[in-house]
N, C-alpha and C. Protein backbone atom coordinates (compact mmCIF):
# COMPACT_ATOMS: atom_id res chain seq x y z
N MET A 1 6.47 -2.95 -7.37
CA MET A 1 5.63 -2.19 -6.48
C MET A 1 4.36 -3.00 -6.20
N LEU A 2 3.98 -3.01 -4.94
CA LEU A 2 2.80 -3.76 -4.50
C LEU A 2 1.74 -2.80 -4.01
N ALA A 3 0.55 -2.86 -4.59
CA ALA A 3 -0.60 -2.12 -4.05
C ALA A 3 -1.10 -2.92 -2.86
N PHE A 4 -1.07 -2.31 -1.66
CA PHE A 4 -1.29 -3.09 -0.46
C PHE A 4 -2.38 -2.46 0.40
N ASP A 5 -3.43 -3.27 0.72
CA ASP A 5 -4.51 -2.79 1.59
C ASP A 5 -4.72 -3.68 2.81
N GLY A 6 -3.84 -4.66 2.99
CA GLY A 6 -3.94 -5.53 4.15
C GLY A 6 -4.85 -6.74 3.96
N SER A 7 -5.51 -6.84 2.82
CA SER A 7 -6.41 -7.96 2.56
C SER A 7 -5.63 -9.24 2.29
N GLU A 8 -6.34 -10.36 2.24
CA GLU A 8 -5.70 -11.64 1.94
C GLU A 8 -5.05 -11.61 0.56
N GLY A 9 -5.73 -11.01 -0.40
CA GLY A 9 -5.16 -10.91 -1.74
C GLY A 9 -3.88 -10.09 -1.74
N ALA A 10 -3.85 -9.01 -0.97
CA ALA A 10 -2.65 -8.18 -0.88
C ALA A 10 -1.52 -8.94 -0.19
N LYS A 11 -1.87 -9.73 0.81
CA LYS A 11 -0.85 -10.52 1.50
C LYS A 11 -0.25 -11.57 0.58
N LYS A 12 -1.07 -12.14 -0.29
CA LYS A 12 -0.55 -13.09 -1.28
C LYS A 12 0.37 -12.35 -2.26
N GLY A 13 -0.02 -11.13 -2.61
CA GLY A 13 0.84 -10.30 -3.47
C GLY A 13 2.18 -10.01 -2.80
N LEU A 14 2.14 -9.76 -1.49
CA LEU A 14 3.38 -9.53 -0.73
C LEU A 14 4.28 -10.76 -0.79
N GLU A 15 3.69 -11.93 -0.60
CA GLU A 15 4.49 -13.16 -0.67
C GLU A 15 5.10 -13.34 -2.06
N ALA A 16 4.32 -13.04 -3.09
CA ALA A 16 4.84 -13.13 -4.47
C ALA A 16 5.98 -12.13 -4.66
N GLY A 17 5.80 -10.93 -4.13
CA GLY A 17 6.84 -9.90 -4.24
C GLY A 17 8.10 -10.30 -3.52
N ILE A 18 7.97 -10.88 -2.33
CA ILE A 18 9.14 -11.34 -1.58
C ILE A 18 9.89 -12.39 -2.40
N GLY A 19 9.15 -13.30 -3.00
CA GLY A 19 9.79 -14.33 -3.84
C GLY A 19 10.52 -13.73 -5.03
N LEU A 20 9.93 -12.72 -5.66
CA LEU A 20 10.57 -12.08 -6.81
C LEU A 20 11.82 -11.30 -6.39
N VAL A 21 11.76 -10.65 -5.24
CA VAL A 21 12.93 -9.92 -4.75
C VAL A 21 14.10 -10.87 -4.54
N LYS A 22 13.82 -12.01 -3.95
CA LYS A 22 14.88 -12.99 -3.71
C LYS A 22 15.42 -13.55 -5.02
N LEU A 23 14.52 -13.80 -5.95
CA LEU A 23 14.92 -14.39 -7.23
C LEU A 23 15.75 -13.43 -8.08
N TYR A 24 15.35 -12.15 -8.10
CA TYR A 24 15.98 -11.19 -9.00
C TYR A 24 16.82 -10.12 -8.29
N GLN A 25 17.05 -10.27 -6.97
CA GLN A 25 17.76 -9.26 -6.19
C GLN A 25 17.19 -7.88 -6.48
N ALA A 26 15.88 -7.79 -6.40
CA ALA A 26 15.16 -6.56 -6.73
C ALA A 26 14.83 -5.79 -5.45
N GLU A 27 14.10 -4.72 -5.61
CA GLU A 27 13.64 -3.89 -4.51
C GLU A 27 12.12 -3.97 -4.49
N LEU A 28 11.54 -3.97 -3.29
CA LEU A 28 10.08 -4.08 -3.17
C LEU A 28 9.53 -2.88 -2.40
N TRP A 29 8.53 -2.27 -2.98
CA TRP A 29 7.80 -1.16 -2.36
C TRP A 29 6.35 -1.58 -2.19
N ALA A 30 5.73 -1.15 -1.09
CA ALA A 30 4.30 -1.36 -0.87
C ALA A 30 3.64 0.00 -0.81
N LEU A 31 2.59 0.18 -1.57
CA LEU A 31 1.85 1.43 -1.63
C LEU A 31 0.45 1.21 -1.07
N ALA A 32 0.12 1.97 -0.03
CA ALA A 32 -1.23 1.93 0.53
C ALA A 32 -1.92 3.24 0.15
N MET A 33 -3.20 3.14 -0.18
CA MET A 33 -3.93 4.33 -0.60
C MET A 33 -5.19 4.52 0.21
N GLN A 34 -5.24 5.63 0.90
CA GLN A 34 -6.42 5.99 1.68
C GLN A 34 -7.40 6.65 0.73
N GLU A 35 -8.67 6.29 0.89
CA GLU A 35 -9.73 6.90 0.08
C GLU A 35 -9.68 8.41 0.24
N LYS A 36 -10.05 9.12 -0.81
CA LYS A 36 -10.16 10.57 -0.66
C LYS A 36 -11.22 10.87 0.39
N LEU A 37 -10.96 11.87 1.17
CA LEU A 37 -11.90 12.23 2.22
C LEU A 37 -13.13 12.90 1.63
N ALA A 38 -14.23 12.81 2.34
CA ALA A 38 -15.48 13.42 1.88
C ALA A 38 -15.27 14.91 1.65
N ARG A 39 -15.91 15.41 0.64
CA ARG A 39 -15.74 16.82 0.31
C ARG A 39 -16.38 17.74 1.35
N PHE A 40 -17.45 17.29 1.90
CA PHE A 40 -18.14 18.08 2.91
C PHE A 40 -18.25 17.27 4.19
N ALA A 41 -17.92 17.89 5.28
CA ALA A 41 -18.04 17.22 6.59
C ALA A 41 -18.65 18.22 7.55
N GLY A 42 -19.19 17.71 8.64
CA GLY A 42 -19.81 18.57 9.63
C GLY A 42 -18.85 19.60 10.19
N THR A 43 -17.64 19.15 10.52
CA THR A 43 -16.64 20.06 11.07
C THR A 43 -15.27 19.69 10.54
N MET A 44 -14.36 20.61 10.65
CA MET A 44 -12.99 20.36 10.24
C MET A 44 -12.37 19.27 11.13
N ASP A 45 -12.78 19.25 12.40
CA ASP A 45 -12.28 18.21 13.30
C ASP A 45 -12.65 16.82 12.81
N GLU A 46 -13.85 16.66 12.24
CA GLU A 46 -14.27 15.36 11.71
C GLU A 46 -13.39 14.94 10.55
N VAL A 47 -13.04 15.88 9.70
CA VAL A 47 -12.17 15.58 8.56
C VAL A 47 -10.80 15.16 9.05
N MET A 48 -10.24 15.91 9.99
CA MET A 48 -8.91 15.60 10.52
C MET A 48 -8.91 14.26 11.26
N GLU A 49 -9.98 13.98 11.98
CA GLU A 49 -10.10 12.72 12.70
C GLU A 49 -10.12 11.54 11.74
N GLU A 50 -10.89 11.66 10.68
CA GLU A 50 -10.98 10.60 9.68
C GLU A 50 -9.63 10.38 8.99
N LYS A 51 -8.96 11.46 8.68
CA LYS A 51 -7.65 11.38 8.03
C LYS A 51 -6.65 10.68 8.96
N ALA A 52 -6.64 11.05 10.24
CA ALA A 52 -5.72 10.44 11.21
C ALA A 52 -6.03 8.96 11.41
N PHE A 53 -7.32 8.61 11.47
CA PHE A 53 -7.71 7.22 11.64
C PHE A 53 -7.22 6.38 10.46
N GLY A 54 -7.42 6.88 9.25
CA GLY A 54 -6.98 6.16 8.05
C GLY A 54 -5.47 6.00 8.02
N ARG A 55 -4.78 7.05 8.34
CA ARG A 55 -3.31 7.00 8.33
C ARG A 55 -2.81 5.97 9.36
N GLN A 56 -3.41 5.96 10.53
CA GLN A 56 -3.02 5.01 11.58
C GLN A 56 -3.24 3.57 11.10
N TYR A 57 -4.37 3.32 10.46
CA TYR A 57 -4.66 1.98 9.94
C TYR A 57 -3.60 1.56 8.92
N PHE A 58 -3.32 2.43 7.96
CA PHE A 58 -2.36 2.06 6.92
C PHE A 58 -0.94 1.94 7.45
N GLU A 59 -0.58 2.75 8.43
CA GLU A 59 0.74 2.60 9.05
C GLU A 59 0.84 1.24 9.75
N GLN A 60 -0.25 0.81 10.36
CA GLN A 60 -0.26 -0.49 11.04
C GLN A 60 -0.11 -1.63 10.04
N ILE A 61 -0.90 -1.64 8.98
CA ILE A 61 -0.82 -2.77 8.04
C ILE A 61 0.51 -2.77 7.29
N LEU A 62 1.04 -1.57 6.99
CA LEU A 62 2.35 -1.53 6.33
C LEU A 62 3.45 -1.95 7.29
N GLY A 63 3.30 -1.65 8.56
CA GLY A 63 4.27 -2.11 9.56
C GLY A 63 4.30 -3.63 9.63
N GLU A 64 3.12 -4.24 9.59
CA GLU A 64 3.03 -5.70 9.58
C GLU A 64 3.66 -6.27 8.31
N ALA A 65 3.46 -5.62 7.19
CA ALA A 65 4.07 -6.07 5.93
C ALA A 65 5.59 -5.94 5.99
N ARG A 66 6.09 -4.83 6.55
CA ARG A 66 7.55 -4.67 6.69
C ARG A 66 8.13 -5.76 7.58
N LEU A 67 7.41 -6.10 8.65
CA LEU A 67 7.87 -7.16 9.55
C LEU A 67 7.95 -8.49 8.82
N ARG A 68 6.92 -8.80 8.03
CA ARG A 68 6.92 -10.07 7.26
C ARG A 68 8.09 -10.09 6.29
N ALA A 69 8.33 -8.97 5.62
CA ALA A 69 9.46 -8.90 4.68
C ALA A 69 10.79 -9.07 5.42
N LYS A 70 10.91 -8.43 6.56
CA LYS A 70 12.14 -8.53 7.35
C LYS A 70 12.38 -9.98 7.77
N GLU A 71 11.31 -10.68 8.16
CA GLU A 71 11.43 -12.10 8.51
C GLU A 71 11.96 -12.92 7.33
N ALA A 72 11.62 -12.47 6.11
CA ALA A 72 12.08 -13.16 4.90
C ALA A 72 13.46 -12.68 4.46
N GLY A 73 14.01 -11.72 5.21
CA GLY A 73 15.36 -11.25 4.90
C GLY A 73 15.44 -10.12 3.89
N ILE A 74 14.33 -9.42 3.68
CA ILE A 74 14.38 -8.31 2.73
C ILE A 74 13.82 -7.03 3.37
N GLU A 75 14.17 -5.91 2.78
CA GLU A 75 13.64 -4.63 3.23
C GLU A 75 12.46 -4.25 2.35
N LEU A 76 11.36 -3.90 2.98
CA LEU A 76 10.17 -3.43 2.26
C LEU A 76 10.05 -1.93 2.50
N LYS A 77 10.06 -1.18 1.42
CA LYS A 77 9.87 0.26 1.53
C LYS A 77 8.38 0.55 1.33
N THR A 78 7.87 1.57 2.02
CA THR A 78 6.43 1.82 1.98
C THR A 78 6.10 3.28 1.71
N ASP A 79 4.87 3.49 1.25
CA ASP A 79 4.35 4.82 0.99
C ASP A 79 2.85 4.79 1.20
N ILE A 80 2.29 5.89 1.68
CA ILE A 80 0.85 6.04 1.85
C ILE A 80 0.43 7.28 1.09
N ARG A 81 -0.62 7.16 0.30
CA ARG A 81 -1.16 8.31 -0.44
C ARG A 81 -2.66 8.42 -0.22
N ILE A 82 -3.16 9.63 -0.20
CA ILE A 82 -4.61 9.86 -0.21
C ILE A 82 -4.94 10.13 -1.67
N SER A 83 -5.77 9.26 -2.26
CA SER A 83 -5.86 9.34 -3.70
C SER A 83 -6.96 8.49 -4.31
N HIS A 84 -7.07 8.64 -5.62
CA HIS A 84 -7.86 7.75 -6.46
C HIS A 84 -6.95 6.56 -6.76
N HIS A 85 -7.38 5.37 -6.42
CA HIS A 85 -6.49 4.21 -6.43
C HIS A 85 -5.82 3.91 -7.76
N ALA A 86 -6.58 3.63 -8.78
CA ALA A 86 -6.00 3.21 -10.05
C ALA A 86 -5.06 4.27 -10.61
N LYS A 87 -5.49 5.51 -10.57
CA LYS A 87 -4.67 6.61 -11.08
C LYS A 87 -3.36 6.70 -10.30
N THR A 88 -3.43 6.57 -9.01
CA THR A 88 -2.24 6.71 -8.16
C THR A 88 -1.28 5.55 -8.37
N ILE A 89 -1.79 4.36 -8.53
CA ILE A 89 -0.91 3.21 -8.79
C ILE A 89 -0.08 3.48 -10.04
N VAL A 90 -0.72 3.95 -11.09
CA VAL A 90 -0.01 4.24 -12.34
C VAL A 90 0.98 5.38 -12.14
N GLU A 91 0.57 6.45 -11.46
CA GLU A 91 1.46 7.60 -11.23
C GLU A 91 2.70 7.20 -10.43
N VAL A 92 2.49 6.46 -9.35
CA VAL A 92 3.61 6.05 -8.50
C VAL A 92 4.53 5.09 -9.25
N ALA A 93 3.95 4.20 -10.04
CA ALA A 93 4.77 3.28 -10.84
C ALA A 93 5.66 4.05 -11.81
N LYS A 94 5.11 5.10 -12.40
CA LYS A 94 5.91 5.93 -13.32
C LYS A 94 6.98 6.70 -12.56
N GLU A 95 6.59 7.32 -11.44
CA GLU A 95 7.54 8.10 -10.63
C GLU A 95 8.72 7.24 -10.19
N GLY A 96 8.42 6.04 -9.72
CA GLY A 96 9.45 5.15 -9.20
C GLY A 96 10.13 4.31 -10.26
N LYS A 97 9.65 4.41 -11.50
CA LYS A 97 10.19 3.62 -12.62
C LYS A 97 10.19 2.13 -12.28
N PHE A 98 9.06 1.67 -11.70
CA PHE A 98 8.93 0.26 -11.34
C PHE A 98 8.69 -0.58 -12.59
N ASP A 99 9.25 -1.78 -12.60
CA ASP A 99 9.10 -2.69 -13.72
C ASP A 99 7.85 -3.55 -13.63
N LEU A 100 7.31 -3.70 -12.40
CA LEU A 100 6.20 -4.61 -12.19
C LEU A 100 5.29 -4.06 -11.11
N ILE A 101 3.98 -4.21 -11.30
CA ILE A 101 2.99 -3.82 -10.30
C ILE A 101 2.26 -5.08 -9.86
N LEU A 102 2.23 -5.32 -8.55
CA LEU A 102 1.50 -6.45 -7.98
C LEU A 102 0.24 -5.93 -7.32
N VAL A 103 -0.90 -6.57 -7.64
CA VAL A 103 -2.19 -6.18 -7.06
C VAL A 103 -2.94 -7.47 -6.72
N GLY A 104 -3.43 -7.56 -5.48
CA GLY A 104 -4.22 -8.73 -5.08
C GLY A 104 -5.56 -8.74 -5.80
N HIS A 105 -6.20 -9.89 -5.87
CA HIS A 105 -7.45 -10.03 -6.62
C HIS A 105 -8.68 -9.63 -5.82
N THR A 106 -8.59 -9.54 -4.52
CA THR A 106 -9.70 -9.08 -3.70
C THR A 106 -9.14 -8.13 -2.67
N GLY A 107 -10.00 -7.34 -2.07
CA GLY A 107 -9.44 -6.41 -1.11
C GLY A 107 -10.46 -5.71 -0.25
N LEU A 108 -9.95 -4.84 0.58
CA LEU A 108 -10.76 -4.05 1.48
C LEU A 108 -11.03 -2.66 0.91
N SER A 109 -10.40 -2.36 -0.21
CA SER A 109 -10.54 -1.04 -0.82
C SER A 109 -10.92 -1.22 -2.28
N GLU A 110 -10.85 -0.15 -3.04
CA GLU A 110 -11.19 -0.22 -4.46
C GLU A 110 -10.10 -0.86 -5.31
N VAL A 111 -8.94 -1.14 -4.70
CA VAL A 111 -7.84 -1.72 -5.47
C VAL A 111 -8.17 -3.17 -5.82
């Protein structure tokens, strides 16, 4: 499983994951995590707008990651969660019974 935020570090993690999939005939998942939304906002429309904007961004970067994986001949499965990053990475890894977690060293988020 790859924690993916679209950063250069995450892209390097994707390349490492692609290499591991080819080497071990494994499966690769990319997990993107949107920051939790502010608890208080001016209007409900502002909250919904922010949520939609975040989702659109993560769908775009995960789409680009799926395309890169497809070019390498593998299928990349993806998931987006609104969450606390570290906690969610561990929870999703347990849920999916993943053997390995890949995380880039720098990023655009708290990952």
